[in-house]
Amino acid sequence: MGSLFPHRNSCPSIKNILLLDSEGKRVAVKYYSDDWPTNSAKLAFEKYLFTKTLKSNARAEADIAVFESNIVVYRFVQDLHFYVTGGDDENELILCTVLQGIFDAVSLIVRNTIDKGEVLENMDLVLLCLDEIVDGGIVLETDANLIVGKVASHILDSDAPLSEQTITQAWASARDHLTRSLLK
């Protein structure tokens, strides 16, 4: 029996998106690959990446490296380190385009004040951005304006049926309902 997605291997695939702080600690991460099956394996990979790229000068533009048979593109801004990982057969330009899309979308959301505090304050929107850029490892969109537009429409559409809401929206909706019920 054939695969439902016969051309999946020809489609660009992202293994993870990582936003780490200036100490290598997680700010926002999304994994789309089983290459790191446990949380401790993920944390070890993040620490390894951070340590290997720490001395890099990836502030002005993205840098590219190969680590553990993965192509990693990364960029540092203020106290944030942005990483996008793909397989060693992945196209570096596509990975760079995804990284730039993430960077630009996050920049728009935090009104060009890209730092850990602003990202943490807007974490729900940042995670929605990541969901709009990559789904299950497949690149959906890299245009920051379109991404932020979709995120804004999710926020405006928070009264949508639960089945059409993202996890973040569902949690916010549930929290609001609980708050209202407790205040009655």
Protein backbone atom coordinates (compact mmCIF):
# COMPACT_ATOMS: atom_id res chain seq x y z
CA MET A 1 0.00 0.00 0.00
CA GLY A 2 1.37 3.42 -0.95
CA SER A 3 1.91 6.31 1.40
CA LEU A 4 -0.75 8.98 1.72
CA PHE A 5 2.01 11.52 1.18
CA PRO A 6 4.20 10.05 -1.56
CA HIS A 7 6.18 13.28 -2.04
CA ARG A 8 6.65 14.11 1.62
CA ASN A 9 10.40 13.49 1.41
CA SER A 10 10.72 16.06 -1.37
CA CYS A 11 8.97 18.68 0.76
CA PRO A 12 11.21 20.89 2.92
CA SER A 13 11.14 19.62 6.49
CA ILE A 14 12.04 21.34 9.72
CA LYS A 15 13.17 19.28 12.72
CA ASN A 16 12.87 22.01 15.34
CA ILE A 17 12.65 25.71 16.05
CA LEU A 18 14.45 26.92 19.15
CA LEU A 19 14.49 30.27 20.90
CA LEU A 20 17.04 30.18 23.71
CA ASP A 21 18.14 32.94 26.04
CA SER A 22 21.68 34.25 26.51
CA GLU A 23 22.40 31.41 28.98
CA GLY A 24 21.12 28.68 26.65
CA LYS A 25 17.85 28.20 28.53
CA ARG A 26 14.56 27.61 26.72
CA VAL A 27 12.36 30.56 25.87
CA ALA A 28 10.19 28.88 23.21
CA VAL A 29 10.85 25.57 21.45
CA LYS A 30 8.96 23.40 18.98
CA TYR A 31 10.12 19.93 17.92
CA TYR A 32 8.73 18.26 14.80
CA SER A 33 11.06 15.25 14.65
CA ASP A 34 11.51 12.10 16.72
CA ASP A 35 15.29 12.53 16.57
CA TRP A 36 15.16 13.61 20.22
CA PRO A 37 12.60 11.25 21.81
CA THR A 38 12.88 12.46 25.41
CA ASN A 39 12.88 15.85 27.04
CA SER A 40 16.38 15.21 28.37
CA ALA A 41 17.60 14.44 24.81
CA LYS A 42 16.04 17.72 23.63
CA LEU A 43 17.63 19.68 26.47
CA ALA A 44 21.01 18.05 25.75
CA PHE A 45 20.74 19.00 22.06
CA GLU A 46 19.82 22.58 22.98
CA LYS A 47 22.78 22.84 25.37
CA TYR A 48 25.10 21.32 22.73
CA LEU A 49 23.90 23.80 20.06
CA PHE A 50 24.18 26.75 22.40
CA THR A 51 27.70 25.79 23.51
CA LYS A 52 28.89 25.20 19.92
CA THR A 53 27.45 28.49 18.61
CA LEU A 54 28.14 30.75 21.59
CA LYS A 55 31.31 32.26 20.15
CA SER A 56 29.72 32.81 16.74
CA ASN A 57 29.08 36.29 15.43
CA ALA A 58 25.57 35.59 14.11
CA ARG A 59 24.16 38.97 15.07
CA ALA A 60 24.19 40.83 11.76
CA GLU A 61 22.96 37.90 9.70
CA ALA A 62 22.21 34.20 9.99
CA ASP A 63 25.00 31.67 10.27
CA ILE A 64 24.90 28.04 9.11
CA ALA A 65 26.54 24.99 10.66
CA VAL A 66 26.26 21.20 10.65
CA PHE A 67 25.86 19.53 14.04
CA GLU A 68 25.15 15.83 14.60
CA SER A 69 24.07 15.31 10.94
CA ASN A 70 21.72 18.31 11.11
CA ILE A 71 21.95 21.61 9.31
CA VAL A 72 21.32 24.41 11.78
CA VAL A 73 20.79 28.03 10.84
CA TYR A 74 20.88 30.53 13.67
CA ARG A 75 20.85 34.18 14.51
CA PHE A 76 21.35 36.09 17.76
CA VAL A 77 19.53 39.28 18.74
CA GLN A 78 19.93 40.97 22.11
CA ASP A 79 19.56 38.14 24.66
CA LEU A 80 17.82 35.71 22.29
CA HIS A 81 19.27 32.95 20.14
CA PHE A 82 17.06 31.79 17.25
CA TYR A 83 17.74 28.32 15.74
CA VAL A 84 16.10 26.35 12.93
CA THR A 85 17.22 22.75 12.38
CA GLY A 86 16.80 20.55 9.31
CA GLY A 87 18.26 17.26 8.12
CA ASP A 88 21.71 17.18 6.56
CA ASP A 89 20.07 16.88 3.12
CA GLU A 90 17.88 19.95 3.62
CA ASN A 91 18.24 23.12 1.58
CA GLU A 92 20.08 25.78 3.62
CA LEU A 93 18.28 28.59 1.81
CA ILE A 94 14.90 27.23 2.86
CA LEU A 95 16.08 26.91 6.46
CA CYS A 96 17.38 30.50 6.32
CA THR A 97 14.06 31.69 4.89
CA VAL A 98 12.19 29.99 7.76
CA LEU A 99 14.58 31.55 10.29
CA GLN A 100 14.09 34.99 8.73
CA GLY A 101 10.30 34.51 8.75
CA ILE A 102 10.37 33.63 12.45
CA PHE A 103 12.67 36.52 13.26
CA ASP A 104 10.58 39.05 11.30
CA ALA A 105 7.25 37.78 12.69
CA VAL A 106 8.51 37.87 16.28
CA SER A 107 9.94 41.32 15.60
CA LEU A 108 6.54 42.57 14.40
CA ILE A 109 4.76 41.06 17.41
CA VAL A 110 7.10 42.65 19.96
CA ARG A 111 7.20 45.93 18.04
CA ASN A 112 10.92 45.61 17.20
CA THR A 113 11.92 45.24 20.85
CA ILE A 114 13.34 41.75 20.49
CA ASP A 115 14.44 40.59 23.92
CA LYS A 116 13.60 37.77 26.28
CA GLY A 117 11.23 39.87 28.41
CA GLU A 118 9.13 41.01 25.45
CA VAL A 119 9.00 37.49 23.98
CA LEU A 120 7.94 36.02 27.34
CA GLU A 121 5.29 38.72 27.72
CA ASN A 122 3.93 37.83 24.27
CA MET A 123 4.56 34.07 24.45
CA ASP A 124 1.08 33.10 23.28
CA LEU A 125 1.51 35.17 20.12
CA VAL A 126 5.05 33.91 19.54
CA LEU A 127 3.90 30.28 19.79
CA LEU A 128 1.02 31.02 17.42
CA CYS A 129 3.60 32.46 14.99
CA LEU A 130 5.64 29.28 15.16
CA ASP A 131 2.46 27.27 14.49
CA GLU A 132 1.67 29.43 11.46
CA ILE A 133 5.19 29.04 10.06
CA VAL A 134 5.67 25.28 10.50
CA ASP A 135 3.12 22.53 11.09
CA GLY A 136 4.37 19.04 11.81
CA GLY A 137 7.74 19.95 10.33
CA ILE A 138 6.26 21.18 7.05
CA VAL A 139 6.88 24.82 6.15
CA LEU A 140 3.55 26.62 5.68
CA GLU A 141 4.48 30.29 5.46
CA THR A 142 7.55 32.49 5.76
CA ASP A 143 6.14 35.97 5.03
CA ALA A 144 6.10 37.77 8.39
CA ASN A 145 3.19 40.06 7.47
CA LEU A 146 1.01 37.09 6.47
CA ILE A 147 2.03 35.17 9.61
CA VAL A 148 1.22 38.07 11.94
CA GLY A 149 -2.04 38.64 10.04
CA LYS A 150 -3.05 35.02 10.66
CA VAL A 151 -2.08 35.31 14.33
CA ALA A 152 -4.18 38.48 14.61
CA SER A 153 -7.15 36.73 13.00
CA HIS A 154 -6.82 33.88 15.54
CA ILE A 155 -7.02 36.41 18.35
CA LEU A 156 -10.00 38.20 16.83
CA ASP A 157 -11.67 34.84 16.23
CA SER A 158 -11.38 33.63 19.84
CA ASP A 159 -15.14 33.03 19.93
CA ALA A 160 -14.74 30.31 17.30
CA PRO A 161 -15.94 26.80 18.22
CA LEU A 162 -13.43 24.91 20.36
CA SER A 163 -12.70 22.49 17.51
CA GLU A 164 -11.33 25.37 15.40
CA GLN A 165 -9.21 26.95 18.13
CA THR A 166 -5.51 26.45 18.70
CA ILE A 167 -4.32 25.02 22.01
CA THR A 168 -3.33 28.50 23.20
CA GLN A 169 -6.76 29.91 22.34
CA ALA A 170 -8.51 26.97 23.97
CA TRP A 171 -6.51 27.47 27.18
CA ALA A 172 -7.25 31.20 27.18
CA SER A 173 -10.93 30.53 26.58
CA ALA A 174 -11.05 27.90 29.34
CA ARG A 175 -9.20 30.24 31.72
CA ASP A 176 -11.67 33.05 30.99
CA HIS A 177 -14.65 30.74 31.57
CA LEU A 178 -13.14 29.49 34.84
CA THR A 179 -12.39 33.02 36.00
CA ARG A 180 -15.96 34.13 35.26
CA SER A 181 -17.42 31.10 37.05
CA LEU A 182 -15.25 31.72 40.13
CA LEU A 183 -16.24 35.38 40.26
CA LYS A 184 -19.98 34.63 40.26
